């Protein structure tokens, strides 16, 4: 199945809407079974639909009111790039930091590669320094 930039953009809009709704099972169905996640700080990519789902679940457990605003999205060939803004309240443990009940706001630049009608690979660059500074016990 061939992809077009228009189909890929529509798929990514659907994925972000579904993610925002909190339906992680439906969202996981939009990625390939052998999904590849390229994450900053890791020497090798992670693989599998369940890896994606675990990452999303971790975010929603720590920030259950997470709001996702797509600020920019464009596609070329089999890739889509997204500039996204996340906001929420730190209500659960995140990367070893207990809930602070503080509001958070951070952005991410994300690139996705499509295969057919599924998301096959991602490269994400969230502003983790900003997020961690906002929930750091020293910043309270």
N, C-alpha and C. Protein backbone atom coordinates (compact mmCIF):
# COMPACT_ATOMS: atom_id res chain seq x y z
N UNK A 1 0.85 -1.17 0.00
CA UNK A 1 0.00 0.00 0.00
C UNK A 1 0.90 1.24 0.00
N UNK A 2 0.65 2.15 -0.90
CA UNK A 2 1.45 3.36 -0.98
C UNK A 2 0.92 4.42 -0.03
N UNK A 3 1.84 5.26 0.40
CA UNK A 3 1.44 6.37 1.26
C UNK A 3 1.58 7.66 0.47
N UNK A 4 0.79 8.63 0.85
CA UNK A 4 0.92 9.96 0.28
C UNK A 4 1.03 10.92 1.46
N UNK A 5 1.63 12.07 1.24
CA UNK A 5 1.71 13.04 2.34
C UNK A 5 0.33 13.36 2.93
N UNK A 6 -0.69 13.46 2.09
CA UNK A 6 -2.03 13.78 2.59
C UNK A 6 -2.58 12.68 3.50
N UNK A 7 -2.42 11.41 3.06
CA UNK A 7 -2.87 10.28 3.89
C UNK A 7 -2.10 10.23 5.20
N UNK A 8 -0.80 10.50 5.12
CA UNK A 8 0.05 10.46 6.31
C UNK A 8 -0.34 11.55 7.31
N UNK A 9 -0.62 12.74 6.80
CA UNK A 9 -1.06 13.83 7.68
C UNK A 9 -2.39 13.49 8.34
N UNK A 10 -3.30 12.92 7.58
CA UNK A 10 -4.60 12.53 8.14
C UNK A 10 -4.41 11.47 9.23
N UNK A 11 -3.53 10.51 8.98
CA UNK A 11 -3.25 9.47 9.98
C UNK A 11 -2.68 10.09 11.25
N UNK A 12 -1.76 11.02 11.13
CA UNK A 12 -1.16 11.63 12.32
C UNK A 12 -2.16 12.50 13.07
N UNK A 13 -3.03 13.21 12.36
CA UNK A 13 -4.08 13.97 13.04
C UNK A 13 -4.98 13.02 13.83
N UNK A 14 -5.33 11.89 13.23
CA UNK A 14 -6.14 10.88 13.92
C UNK A 14 -5.40 10.34 15.14
N UNK A 15 -4.11 10.07 14.98
CA UNK A 15 -3.32 9.52 16.08
C UNK A 15 -3.28 10.49 17.27
N UNK A 16 -3.03 11.75 17.01
CA UNK A 16 -2.97 12.73 18.11
C UNK A 16 -4.34 12.93 18.75
N UNK A 17 -5.41 12.95 17.96
CA UNK A 17 -6.77 13.05 18.53
C UNK A 17 -7.07 11.85 19.41
N UNK A 18 -6.70 10.67 18.92
CA UNK A 18 -6.95 9.45 19.68
C UNK A 18 -6.11 9.42 20.95
N UNK A 19 -4.88 9.86 20.86
CA UNK A 19 -4.01 9.94 22.04
C UNK A 19 -4.61 10.90 23.06
N UNK A 20 -5.04 12.07 22.61
CA UNK A 20 -5.64 13.06 23.51
C UNK A 20 -6.87 12.51 24.20
N UNK A 21 -7.61 11.64 23.53
CA UNK A 21 -8.82 11.06 24.13
C UNK A 21 -8.48 10.04 25.22
N UNK A 22 -7.21 9.61 25.26
CA UNK A 22 -6.79 8.64 26.27
C UNK A 22 -7.01 7.20 25.87
N UNK A 23 -7.49 6.94 24.67
CA UNK A 23 -7.73 5.57 24.21
C UNK A 23 -6.43 4.98 23.66
N UNK A 24 -5.58 4.51 24.58
CA UNK A 24 -4.26 4.03 24.19
C UNK A 24 -4.33 2.75 23.36
N UNK A 25 -5.34 1.92 23.59
CA UNK A 25 -5.49 0.70 22.78
C UNK A 25 -5.77 1.07 21.32
N UNK A 26 -6.69 1.99 21.11
CA UNK A 26 -7.01 2.42 19.74
C UNK A 26 -5.81 3.10 19.10
N UNK A 27 -5.09 3.88 19.88
CA UNK A 27 -3.92 4.57 19.36
C UNK A 27 -2.83 3.56 19.00
N UNK A 28 -2.64 2.55 19.82
CA UNK A 28 -1.62 1.52 19.55
C UNK A 28 -1.93 0.78 18.26
N UNK A 29 -3.20 0.67 17.90
CA UNK A 29 -3.57 0.01 16.65
C UNK A 29 -3.12 0.79 15.43
N UNK A 30 -2.77 2.05 15.62
CA UNK A 30 -2.33 2.89 14.51
C UNK A 30 -0.84 2.73 14.22
N UNK A 31 -0.12 2.02 15.09
CA UNK A 31 1.31 1.79 14.86
C UNK A 31 1.53 0.33 14.46
N UNK A 32 2.61 0.10 13.71
CA UNK A 32 2.92 -1.26 13.27
C UNK A 32 3.32 -2.11 14.47
N UNK A 33 3.18 -3.42 14.33
CA UNK A 33 3.57 -4.32 15.41
C UNK A 33 5.05 -4.23 15.70
N UNK A 34 5.85 -3.98 14.67
CA UNK A 34 7.31 -3.88 14.86
C UNK A 34 7.76 -2.41 14.89
N UNK A 35 6.91 -1.56 15.45
CA UNK A 35 7.16 -0.13 15.58
C UNK A 35 8.57 0.12 16.14
N UNK A 36 9.22 1.16 15.64
CA UNK A 36 10.57 1.52 16.08
C UNK A 36 10.51 2.90 16.74
N UNK A 37 10.97 2.98 18.00
CA UNK A 37 11.00 4.24 18.74
C UNK A 37 12.45 4.66 18.93
N UNK A 38 12.81 5.79 18.34
CA UNK A 38 14.14 6.37 18.49
C UNK A 38 14.03 7.48 19.53
N UNK A 39 14.58 7.23 20.73
CA UNK A 39 14.43 8.15 21.84
C UNK A 39 15.77 8.77 22.22
N UNK A 40 15.77 10.05 22.58
CA UNK A 40 17.02 10.70 22.97
C UNK A 40 17.63 10.01 24.19
N UNK A 41 18.94 9.89 24.17
CA UNK A 41 19.65 9.33 25.31
C UNK A 41 19.81 7.83 25.28
N UNK A 42 19.11 7.16 24.37
CA UNK A 42 19.24 5.70 24.28
C UNK A 42 20.17 5.36 23.11
N UNK A 43 21.11 4.43 23.31
CA UNK A 43 22.04 4.10 22.23
C UNK A 43 21.39 3.38 21.06
N UNK A 44 20.32 2.65 21.33
CA UNK A 44 19.65 1.88 20.28
C UNK A 44 18.15 2.14 20.34
N UNK A 45 17.47 1.99 19.20
CA UNK A 45 16.01 2.16 19.21
C UNK A 45 15.32 1.06 20.00
N UNK A 46 14.11 1.35 20.45
CA UNK A 46 13.24 0.36 21.08
C UNK A 46 12.27 -0.13 20.01
N UNK A 47 11.76 -1.35 20.19
CA UNK A 47 10.91 -1.96 19.16
C UNK A 47 9.61 -2.48 19.75
N UNK A 48 8.54 -2.31 18.99
CA UNK A 48 7.28 -2.94 19.31
C UNK A 48 6.16 -1.98 19.69
N UNK A 49 4.98 -2.38 19.36
CA UNK A 49 3.76 -1.63 19.67
C UNK A 49 3.61 -1.43 21.18
N UNK A 50 3.95 -2.46 21.94
CA UNK A 50 3.80 -2.38 23.40
C UNK A 50 4.75 -1.36 24.01
N UNK A 51 5.92 -1.17 23.40
CA UNK A 51 6.87 -0.15 23.87
C UNK A 51 6.23 1.23 23.72
N UNK A 52 5.60 1.48 22.57
CA UNK A 52 4.93 2.76 22.38
C UNK A 52 3.84 2.95 23.43
N UNK A 53 3.04 1.92 23.62
CA UNK A 53 1.91 2.01 24.54
C UNK A 53 2.40 2.25 25.98
N UNK A 54 3.48 1.60 26.36
CA UNK A 54 4.04 1.77 27.70
C UNK A 54 4.49 3.22 27.92
N UNK A 55 5.14 3.81 26.91
CA UNK A 55 5.58 5.19 27.01
C UNK A 55 4.41 6.15 27.19
N UNK A 56 3.36 5.95 26.40
CA UNK A 56 2.18 6.81 26.50
C UNK A 56 1.49 6.62 27.85
N UNK A 57 1.40 5.39 28.30
CA UNK A 57 0.76 5.08 29.57
C UNK A 57 1.53 5.75 30.72
N UNK A 58 2.85 5.72 30.66
CA UNK A 58 3.69 6.36 31.68
C UNK A 58 3.38 7.85 31.77
N UNK A 59 3.23 8.50 30.61
CA UNK A 59 2.93 9.94 30.60
C UNK A 59 1.55 10.21 31.21
N UNK A 60 0.54 9.41 30.85
CA UNK A 60 -0.80 9.66 31.36
C UNK A 60 -0.93 9.30 32.84
N UNK A 61 -0.11 8.37 33.34
CA UNK A 61 -0.13 8.08 34.77
C UNK A 61 0.48 9.23 35.55
N UNK A 62 1.52 9.84 35.02
CA UNK A 62 2.18 10.96 35.70
C UNK A 62 1.42 12.26 35.52
N UNK A 63 0.79 12.42 34.35
CA UNK A 63 0.08 13.66 33.99
C UNK A 63 -1.30 13.28 33.46
N UNK A 64 -2.22 12.85 34.33
CA UNK A 64 -3.50 12.32 33.84
C UNK A 64 -4.37 13.34 33.09
N UNK A 65 -4.12 14.61 33.31
CA UNK A 65 -4.89 15.64 32.61
C UNK A 65 -4.11 16.19 31.41
N UNK A 66 -3.18 15.42 30.90
CA UNK A 66 -2.30 15.86 29.81
C UNK A 66 -3.12 16.35 28.62
N UNK A 67 -2.81 17.57 28.19
CA UNK A 67 -3.44 18.15 27.00
C UNK A 67 -2.39 18.24 25.91
N UNK A 68 -2.78 17.89 24.72
CA UNK A 68 -1.85 17.81 23.59
C UNK A 68 -2.33 18.77 22.50
N UNK A 69 -1.51 19.72 22.18
CA UNK A 69 -1.86 20.70 21.14
C UNK A 69 -0.84 20.60 20.01
N UNK A 70 -1.30 20.17 18.84
CA UNK A 70 -0.43 20.15 17.66
C UNK A 70 -0.31 21.58 17.16
N UNK A 71 0.92 22.09 17.13
CA UNK A 71 1.14 23.48 16.71
C UNK A 71 1.53 23.58 15.24
N UNK A 72 2.18 22.56 14.73
CA UNK A 72 2.59 22.51 13.32
C UNK A 72 2.67 21.06 12.90
N UNK A 73 2.32 20.79 11.65
CA UNK A 73 2.45 19.43 11.12
C UNK A 73 2.62 19.54 9.62
N UNK A 74 3.63 18.86 9.10
CA UNK A 74 3.81 18.82 7.65
C UNK A 74 4.39 17.48 7.26
N UNK A 75 4.13 17.09 6.02
CA UNK A 75 4.57 15.79 5.55
C UNK A 75 5.23 15.85 4.19
N UNK A 76 6.22 14.97 4.01
CA UNK A 76 6.92 14.80 2.74
C UNK A 76 7.18 13.30 2.58
N UNK A 77 6.85 12.79 1.41
CA UNK A 77 7.05 11.36 1.13
C UNK A 77 6.40 10.53 2.22
N UNK A 78 7.16 9.65 2.91
CA UNK A 78 6.59 8.78 3.93
C UNK A 78 6.81 9.30 5.35
N UNK A 79 7.18 10.59 5.49
CA UNK A 79 7.47 11.16 6.81
C UNK A 79 6.53 12.33 7.14
N UNK A 80 6.27 12.47 8.44
CA UNK A 80 5.49 13.59 8.96
C UNK A 80 6.26 14.17 10.15
N UNK A 81 6.37 15.49 10.17
CA UNK A 81 7.01 16.18 11.29
C UNK A 81 5.96 16.97 12.04
N UNK A 82 6.05 16.91 13.37
CA UNK A 82 5.05 17.55 14.22
C UNK A 82 5.76 18.37 15.28
N UNK A 83 5.26 19.59 15.49
CA UNK A 83 5.68 20.41 16.63
C UNK A 83 4.48 20.41 17.56
N UNK A 84 4.67 19.88 18.76
CA UNK A 84 3.54 19.65 19.65
C UNK A 84 3.82 20.26 21.02
N UNK A 85 2.77 20.74 21.65
CA UNK A 85 2.84 21.37 22.98
C UNK A 85 2.04 20.51 23.95
N UNK A 86 2.67 20.13 25.05
CA UNK A 86 2.04 19.32 26.08
C UNK A 86 1.85 20.18 27.33
N UNK A 87 0.69 20.07 27.96
CA UNK A 87 0.42 20.75 29.23
C UNK A 87 -0.35 19.79 30.12
N UNK A 88 -0.09 19.87 31.40
CA UNK A 88 -0.81 19.03 32.35
C UNK A 88 -0.38 19.34 33.76
N UNK A 89 -0.76 18.45 34.67
CA UNK A 89 -0.42 18.60 36.08
C UNK A 89 0.29 17.33 36.52
N UNK A 90 1.41 17.50 37.19
CA UNK A 90 2.23 16.37 37.66
C UNK A 90 1.53 15.72 38.85
N UNK A 91 0.75 14.65 38.58
CA UNK A 91 -0.06 14.01 39.61
C UNK A 91 0.37 12.59 39.93
N UNK A 92 1.42 12.10 39.27
CA UNK A 92 1.92 10.76 39.54
C UNK A 92 3.43 10.75 39.38
N UNK A 93 4.06 9.68 39.83
CA UNK A 93 5.52 9.58 39.74
C UNK A 93 5.96 9.60 38.28
N UNK A 94 6.99 10.40 38.00
CA UNK A 94 7.57 10.47 36.66
C UNK A 94 9.09 10.46 36.80
N UNK A 95 9.71 9.47 36.19
CA UNK A 95 11.16 9.30 36.21
C UNK A 95 11.70 9.43 37.64
N UNK A 96 11.02 8.78 38.57
CA UNK A 96 11.46 8.73 39.96
C UNK A 96 11.08 9.93 40.80
N UNK A 97 10.41 10.90 40.21
CA UNK A 97 10.01 12.10 40.96
C UNK A 97 8.54 11.96 41.33
N UNK A 98 8.28 11.95 42.64
CA UNK A 98 6.91 11.83 43.14
C UNK A 98 6.08 13.04 42.68
N UNK A 99 4.78 12.86 42.66
CA UNK A 99 3.86 13.91 42.22
C UNK A 99 4.10 15.21 42.99
N UNK A 100 4.18 16.31 42.26
CA UNK A 100 4.36 17.63 42.87
C UNK A 100 3.08 18.46 42.80
N UNK A 101 2.12 18.02 42.01
CA UNK A 101 0.85 18.73 41.76
C UNK A 101 1.09 20.05 41.02
N UNK A 102 2.27 20.20 40.44
CA UNK A 102 2.59 21.43 39.70
C UNK A 102 2.11 21.32 38.25
N UNK A 103 1.71 22.46 37.68
CA UNK A 103 1.41 22.47 36.25
C UNK A 103 2.71 22.37 35.45
N UNK A 104 2.64 21.72 34.31
CA UNK A 104 3.80 21.62 33.42
C UNK A 104 3.38 22.04 32.02
N UNK A 105 4.37 22.51 31.29
CA UNK A 105 4.18 22.91 29.90
C UNK A 105 5.51 22.71 29.19
N UNK A 106 5.51 21.90 28.13
CA UNK A 106 6.74 21.68 27.38
C UNK A 106 6.39 21.32 25.95
N UNK A 107 7.38 21.41 25.08
CA UNK A 107 7.17 21.13 23.67
C UNK A 107 8.05 19.98 23.22
N UNK A 108 7.68 19.44 22.06
CA UNK A 108 8.44 18.36 21.46
C UNK A 108 8.41 18.52 19.94
N UNK A 109 9.49 18.14 19.31
CA UNK A 109 9.55 18.02 17.86
C UNK A 109 9.60 16.52 17.58
N UNK A 110 8.69 16.05 16.74
CA UNK A 110 8.55 14.61 16.50
C UNK A 110 8.48 14.34 15.01
N UNK A 111 9.20 13.32 14.58
CA UNK A 111 9.19 12.90 13.18
C UNK A 111 8.70 11.46 13.14
N UNK A 112 7.80 11.18 12.22
CA UNK A 112 7.22 9.85 12.07
C UNK A 112 7.41 9.35 10.65
N UNK A 113 7.62 8.05 10.52
CA UNK A 113 7.70 7.39 9.21
C UNK A 113 6.53 6.43 9.10
N UNK A 114 5.87 6.46 7.97
CA UNK A 114 4.69 5.62 7.75
C UNK A 114 5.03 4.42 6.87
N UNK A 115 4.32 3.35 7.10
CA UNK A 115 4.30 2.18 6.21
C UNK A 115 2.84 1.87 5.96
N UNK A 116 2.40 2.07 4.74
CA UNK A 116 0.99 1.84 4.42
C UNK A 116 0.12 2.78 5.24
N UNK A 117 -0.83 2.21 5.97
CA UNK A 117 -1.74 3.04 6.77
C UNK A 117 -1.42 2.98 8.26
N UNK A 118 -0.13 2.75 8.58
CA UNK A 118 0.31 2.67 9.99
C UNK A 118 1.55 3.52 10.20
N UNK A 119 1.77 3.87 11.45
CA UNK A 119 2.97 4.58 11.87
C UNK A 119 4.03 3.53 12.18
N UNK A 120 5.18 3.59 11.49
CA UNK A 120 6.19 2.54 11.61
C UNK A 120 7.37 2.93 12.48
N UNK A 121 7.65 4.24 12.58
CA UNK A 121 8.85 4.65 13.29
C UNK A 121 8.69 6.09 13.76
N UNK A 122 9.32 6.39 14.90
CA UNK A 122 9.31 7.76 15.40
C UNK A 122 10.70 8.17 15.88
N UNK A 123 10.95 9.45 15.75
CA UNK A 123 12.11 10.10 16.34
C UNK A 123 11.52 11.25 17.13
N UNK A 124 11.67 11.26 18.44
CA UNK A 124 11.08 12.32 19.25
C UNK A 124 12.18 13.09 19.97
N UNK A 125 11.95 14.39 20.11
CA UNK A 125 12.90 15.26 20.80
C UNK A 125 12.13 16.18 21.76
N UNK A 126 11.58 15.60 22.84
CA UNK A 126 10.86 16.42 23.81
C UNK A 126 11.85 17.29 24.60
N UNK A 127 11.38 18.43 25.03
CA UNK A 127 12.19 19.32 25.86
C UNK A 127 12.16 18.81 27.30
N UNK A 128 12.87 17.71 27.51
CA UNK A 128 12.87 17.07 28.83
C UNK A 128 13.54 17.93 29.89
N UNK A 129 14.52 18.74 29.50
CA UNK A 129 15.15 19.62 30.50
C UNK A 129 14.11 20.57 31.09
N UNK A 130 13.28 21.13 30.25
CA UNK A 130 12.23 22.04 30.73
C UNK A 130 11.23 21.29 31.61
N UNK A 131 10.78 20.12 31.17
CA UNK A 131 9.83 19.34 31.95
C UNK A 131 10.41 18.97 33.31
N UNK A 132 11.63 18.46 33.33
CA UNK A 132 12.23 18.02 34.59
C UNK A 132 12.48 19.21 35.52
N UNK A 133 12.82 20.36 34.97
CA UNK A 133 13.02 21.56 35.79
C UNK A 133 11.69 21.94 36.46
N UNK A 134 10.59 21.78 35.76
CA UNK A 134 9.29 22.15 36.30
C UNK A 134 8.83 21.23 37.44
N UNK A 135 9.27 19.98 37.43
CA UNK A 135 8.83 19.04 38.47
C UNK A 135 9.93 18.73 39.48
N UNK A 136 11.08 19.30 39.29
CA UNK A 136 12.20 19.05 40.19
C UNK A 136 11.87 19.53 41.60
N UNK A 137 12.17 18.71 42.62
CA UNK A 137 11.91 19.14 44.00
C UNK A 137 12.62 20.45 44.35
N UNK A 138 13.75 20.73 43.73
CA UNK A 138 14.50 21.96 44.01
C UNK A 138 13.78 23.19 43.48
N UNK A 139 12.87 23.01 42.51
CA UNK A 139 12.24 24.18 41.91
C UNK A 139 10.97 24.60 42.66
N UNK A 140 10.60 23.85 43.68
CA UNK A 140 9.37 24.14 44.40
C UNK A 140 9.56 25.18 45.42
